[in-house]
Each structure stands twice: as structure tokens, then as C-alpha cells.
Amino acid sequence: MKYEQFEDLPVWQSSRQFVNEIYKLIETHSKLAKDFSLTDQLKRCSYSIMLNIAEGFERGSNKEFANFINITKGSAGEVRSILYIL
């Protein structure tokens, strides 16, 4: 299957849902409500996942896309690491 736009990618759709879940977690988690720098970092690395998938796709080459997916993997690790703090 050939995808015409990044919004059609299942992985991008999942990352969009993930960002929404992170924002819900931030709204409801008392420790995050008090720690603005941690909250900011969690937001930035979670939406970085979604943004890097989109940017990599838009670059138009498999090599570039693979590079951005690698960056995305790093952002996902950062999210996981922050969640251990909670």
C-alpha cells in the first residue's frame, strides 16, 4: 500500500492518539501539575514523535524517513524515561 500523506500512516495516527493520552495524563496527575519543567519536557518529547513521523514522510525518500523514525524512537525513549519518574 502506498500512502499519499502522513495523516494516512497508521503509526502517525497512533502517535496522535498517544499525544492526546499524554495530555490527559498531565491534566490528571498531581505530580505533573506541580512540576512545570517535567510537564513541558513530557509534552515536547511526546509530540516530537508525531512531528518527526510527519517530517520524515514529507522528505520524500525512504532514507530520510528512516532517519526521522530513528529520531522518533529516541523521543519515545525519552517519554518512557519521564514516565518512570512518576
N, C-alpha and C. Protein backbone atom coordinates (compact mmCIF):
# COMPACT_ATOMS: atom_id res chain seq x y z
N MET A 1 0.85 -1.19 0.00
CA MET A 1 0.00 0.00 0.00
C MET A 1 0.89 1.24 0.00
N LYS A 2 0.54 2.19 -0.83
CA LYS A 2 1.28 3.45 -0.89
C LYS A 2 0.45 4.55 -0.21
N TYR A 3 1.08 5.21 0.72
CA TYR A 3 0.41 6.29 1.44
C TYR A 3 0.72 7.62 0.74
N GLU A 4 -0.30 8.42 0.57
CA GLU A 4 -0.15 9.69 -0.13
C GLU A 4 0.20 10.84 0.82
N GLN A 5 -0.24 10.74 2.05
CA GLN A 5 0.03 11.80 3.03
C GLN A 5 0.28 11.17 4.39
N PHE A 6 1.02 11.88 5.22
CA PHE A 6 1.40 11.30 6.51
C PHE A 6 0.21 11.01 7.40
N GLU A 7 -0.87 11.74 7.23
CA GLU A 7 -2.07 11.50 8.06
C GLU A 7 -2.66 10.11 7.83
N ASP A 8 -2.34 9.50 6.72
CA ASP A 8 -2.84 8.16 6.41
C ASP A 8 -2.01 7.05 7.07
N LEU A 9 -0.83 7.38 7.55
CA LEU A 9 0.03 6.37 8.15
C LEU A 9 -0.54 5.89 9.49
N PRO A 10 -0.74 4.61 9.67
CA PRO A 10 -1.24 4.11 10.96
C PRO A 10 -0.34 4.51 12.13
N VAL A 11 0.96 4.54 11.92
CA VAL A 11 1.87 4.91 13.01
C VAL A 11 1.70 6.38 13.39
N TRP A 12 1.42 7.23 12.42
CA TRP A 12 1.18 8.65 12.74
C TRP A 12 -0.15 8.79 13.49
N GLN A 13 -1.17 8.06 13.05
CA GLN A 13 -2.47 8.09 13.73
C GLN A 13 -2.34 7.64 15.17
N SER A 14 -1.55 6.59 15.40
CA SER A 14 -1.33 6.11 16.77
C SER A 14 -0.57 7.13 17.59
N SER A 15 0.40 7.79 16.98
CA SER A 15 1.16 8.79 17.72
C SER A 15 0.29 9.98 18.09
N ARG A 16 -0.64 10.31 17.23
CA ARG A 16 -1.58 11.40 17.54
C ARG A 16 -2.44 11.03 18.75
N GLN A 17 -2.93 9.81 18.79
CA GLN A 17 -3.70 9.33 19.94
C GLN A 17 -2.85 9.32 21.20
N PHE A 18 -1.59 8.91 21.04
CA PHE A 18 -0.66 8.87 22.17
C PHE A 18 -0.47 10.26 22.77
N VAL A 19 -0.29 11.26 21.93
CA VAL A 19 -0.12 12.63 22.42
C VAL A 19 -1.37 13.06 23.20
N ASN A 20 -2.54 12.72 22.69
CA ASN A 20 -3.77 13.06 23.40
C ASN A 20 -3.81 12.39 24.77
N GLU A 21 -3.36 11.14 24.86
CA GLU A 21 -3.33 10.43 26.14
C GLU A 21 -2.32 11.07 27.11
N ILE A 22 -1.19 11.50 26.58
CA ILE A 22 -0.20 12.18 27.43
C ILE A 22 -0.79 13.48 27.98
N TYR A 23 -1.48 14.23 27.16
CA TYR A 23 -2.10 15.47 27.64
C TYR A 23 -3.16 15.19 28.71
N LYS A 24 -3.92 14.12 28.54
CA LYS A 24 -4.90 13.74 29.57
C LYS A 24 -4.19 13.36 30.86
N LEU A 25 -3.09 12.62 30.75
CA LEU A 25 -2.32 12.23 31.93
C LEU A 25 -1.81 13.47 32.66
N ILE A 26 -1.31 14.43 31.92
CA ILE A 26 -0.80 15.66 32.53
C ILE A 26 -1.90 16.39 33.29
N GLU A 27 -3.10 16.41 32.73
CA GLU A 27 -4.22 17.11 33.37
C GLU A 27 -4.64 16.44 34.67
N THR A 28 -4.45 15.13 34.78
CA THR A 28 -4.98 14.39 35.93
C THR A 28 -3.93 13.96 36.94
N HIS A 29 -2.67 14.06 36.62
CA HIS A 29 -1.62 13.57 37.51
C HIS A 29 -1.11 14.70 38.40
N SER A 30 -1.25 14.53 39.72
CA SER A 30 -0.92 15.61 40.65
C SER A 30 0.56 16.00 40.62
N LYS A 31 1.45 15.03 40.45
CA LYS A 31 2.88 15.35 40.42
C LYS A 31 3.22 16.21 39.21
N LEU A 32 2.60 15.92 38.09
CA LEU A 32 2.84 16.71 36.89
C LEU A 32 2.26 18.11 37.00
N ALA A 33 1.18 18.24 37.73
CA ALA A 33 0.56 19.56 37.89
C ALA A 33 1.50 20.52 38.63
N LYS A 34 2.39 19.96 39.45
CA LYS A 34 3.30 20.79 40.24
C LYS A 34 4.67 20.98 39.58
N ASP A 35 5.02 20.11 38.68
CA ASP A 35 6.36 20.14 38.08
C ASP A 35 6.27 20.62 36.63
N PHE A 36 6.34 21.93 36.47
CA PHE A 36 6.14 22.52 35.14
C PHE A 36 7.23 22.15 34.15
N SER A 37 8.47 22.04 34.61
CA SER A 37 9.54 21.70 33.67
C SER A 37 9.42 20.26 33.18
N LEU A 38 9.05 19.35 34.08
CA LEU A 38 8.84 17.96 33.67
C LEU A 38 7.64 17.85 32.73
N THR A 39 6.59 18.58 33.04
CA THR A 39 5.40 18.59 32.19
C THR A 39 5.74 19.11 30.80
N ASP A 40 6.49 20.19 30.76
CA ASP A 40 6.88 20.76 29.47
C ASP A 40 7.72 19.77 28.67
N GLN A 41 8.67 19.11 29.32
CA GLN A 41 9.53 18.15 28.62
C GLN A 41 8.71 16.97 28.13
N LEU A 42 7.78 16.49 28.93
CA LEU A 42 6.93 15.37 28.53
C LEU A 42 6.08 15.74 27.31
N LYS A 43 5.54 16.92 27.32
CA LYS A 43 4.77 17.38 26.16
C LYS A 43 5.64 17.44 24.91
N ARG A 44 6.81 18.06 25.05
CA ARG A 44 7.67 18.25 23.89
C ARG A 44 8.15 16.93 23.30
N CYS A 45 8.55 15.99 24.13
CA CYS A 45 9.05 14.74 23.56
C CYS A 45 7.90 13.87 23.04
N SER A 46 6.70 13.99 23.61
CA SER A 46 5.58 13.19 23.09
C SER A 46 5.11 13.71 21.74
N TYR A 47 4.97 15.02 21.59
CA TYR A 47 4.53 15.49 20.27
C TYR A 47 5.67 15.47 19.26
N SER A 48 6.90 15.38 19.73
CA SER A 48 8.03 15.20 18.81
C SER A 48 7.90 13.90 18.03
N ILE A 49 7.34 12.89 18.65
CA ILE A 49 7.12 11.61 17.98
C ILE A 49 6.25 11.82 16.75
N MET A 50 5.12 12.46 16.96
CA MET A 50 4.18 12.71 15.87
C MET A 50 4.79 13.61 14.80
N LEU A 51 5.48 14.66 15.22
CA LEU A 51 6.04 15.61 14.28
C LEU A 51 7.17 15.01 13.44
N ASN A 52 8.00 14.18 14.04
CA ASN A 52 9.09 13.58 13.28
C ASN A 52 8.61 12.54 12.28
N ILE A 53 7.56 11.83 12.60
CA ILE A 53 6.97 10.92 11.62
C ILE A 53 6.48 11.71 10.41
N ALA A 54 5.79 12.81 10.68
CA ALA A 54 5.27 13.65 9.59
C ALA A 54 6.42 14.25 8.77
N GLU A 55 7.42 14.80 9.45
CA GLU A 55 8.51 15.43 8.72
C GLU A 55 9.28 14.42 7.88
N GLY A 56 9.55 13.26 8.46
CA GLY A 56 10.26 12.23 7.71
C GLY A 56 9.50 11.80 6.47
N PHE A 57 8.20 11.63 6.61
CA PHE A 57 7.37 11.25 5.46
C PHE A 57 7.43 12.32 4.37
N GLU A 58 7.35 13.56 4.77
CA GLU A 58 7.31 14.66 3.82
C GLU A 58 8.65 14.86 3.11
N ARG A 59 9.72 14.32 3.63
CA ARG A 59 11.02 14.45 2.98
C ARG A 59 11.06 13.69 1.67
N GLY A 60 10.21 12.68 1.52
CA GLY A 60 10.04 12.02 0.24
C GLY A 60 11.00 10.89 -0.10
N SER A 61 11.91 10.55 0.78
CA SER A 61 12.80 9.43 0.48
C SER A 61 12.79 8.44 1.64
N ASN A 62 12.98 7.19 1.32
CA ASN A 62 13.00 6.16 2.36
C ASN A 62 14.15 6.37 3.34
N LYS A 63 15.29 6.82 2.82
CA LYS A 63 16.44 7.05 3.68
C LYS A 63 16.15 8.15 4.70
N GLU A 64 15.58 9.25 4.23
CA GLU A 64 15.24 10.35 5.14
C GLU A 64 14.17 9.92 6.13
N PHE A 65 13.18 9.19 5.64
CA PHE A 65 12.11 8.73 6.52
C PHE A 65 12.68 7.84 7.61
N ALA A 66 13.56 6.92 7.24
CA ALA A 66 14.19 6.03 8.23
C ALA A 66 14.96 6.82 9.27
N ASN A 67 15.65 7.87 8.84
CA ASN A 67 16.38 8.71 9.78
C ASN A 67 15.44 9.37 10.79
N PHE A 68 14.32 9.89 10.31
CA PHE A 68 13.37 10.54 11.21
C PHE A 68 12.67 9.53 12.12
N ILE A 69 12.48 8.32 11.64
CA ILE A 69 11.91 7.28 12.51
C ILE A 69 12.90 6.96 13.63
N ASN A 70 14.18 6.97 13.32
CA ASN A 70 15.20 6.76 14.35
C ASN A 70 15.15 7.87 15.41
N ILE A 71 14.98 9.10 14.97
CA ILE A 71 14.82 10.23 15.90
C ILE A 71 13.56 10.03 16.74
N THR A 72 12.50 9.57 16.09
CA THR A 72 11.24 9.31 16.78
C THR A 72 11.43 8.28 17.89
N LYS A 73 12.20 7.25 17.60
CA LYS A 73 12.48 6.21 18.60
C LYS A 73 13.17 6.82 19.83
N GLY A 74 14.06 7.77 19.60
CA GLY A 74 14.71 8.46 20.71
C GLY A 74 13.72 9.24 21.55
N SER A 75 12.79 9.91 20.90
CA SER A 75 11.76 10.67 21.63
C SER A 75 10.87 9.73 22.44
N ALA A 76 10.55 8.58 21.87
CA ALA A 76 9.73 7.60 22.60
C ALA A 76 10.46 7.10 23.85
N GLY A 77 11.76 6.91 23.73
CA GLY A 77 12.55 6.52 24.90
C GLY A 77 12.55 7.60 25.96
N GLU A 78 12.60 8.84 25.53
CA GLU A 78 12.55 9.96 26.47
C GLU A 78 11.22 9.99 27.21
N VAL A 79 10.12 9.76 26.49
CA VAL A 79 8.80 9.71 27.14
C VAL A 79 8.78 8.59 28.18
N ARG A 80 9.24 7.41 27.79
CA ARG A 80 9.25 6.28 28.73
C ARG A 80 10.07 6.60 29.98
N SER A 81 11.20 7.22 29.77
CA SER A 81 12.07 7.56 30.89
C SER A 81 11.38 8.54 31.85
N ILE A 82 10.72 9.54 31.29
CA ILE A 82 9.99 10.51 32.13
C ILE A 82 8.88 9.82 32.91
N LEU A 83 8.19 8.88 32.28
CA LEU A 83 7.09 8.21 32.96
C LEU A 83 7.57 7.38 34.15
N TYR A 84 8.83 6.94 34.13
CA TYR A 84 9.40 6.23 35.28
C TYR A 84 9.53 7.16 36.49
N ILE A 85 9.69 8.44 36.25
CA ILE A 85 9.79 9.40 37.33
C ILE A 85 8.49 9.51 38.11
N LEU A 86 7.40 9.28 37.42
CA LEU A 86 6.08 9.41 38.04
C LEU A 86 5.80 8.24 38.92
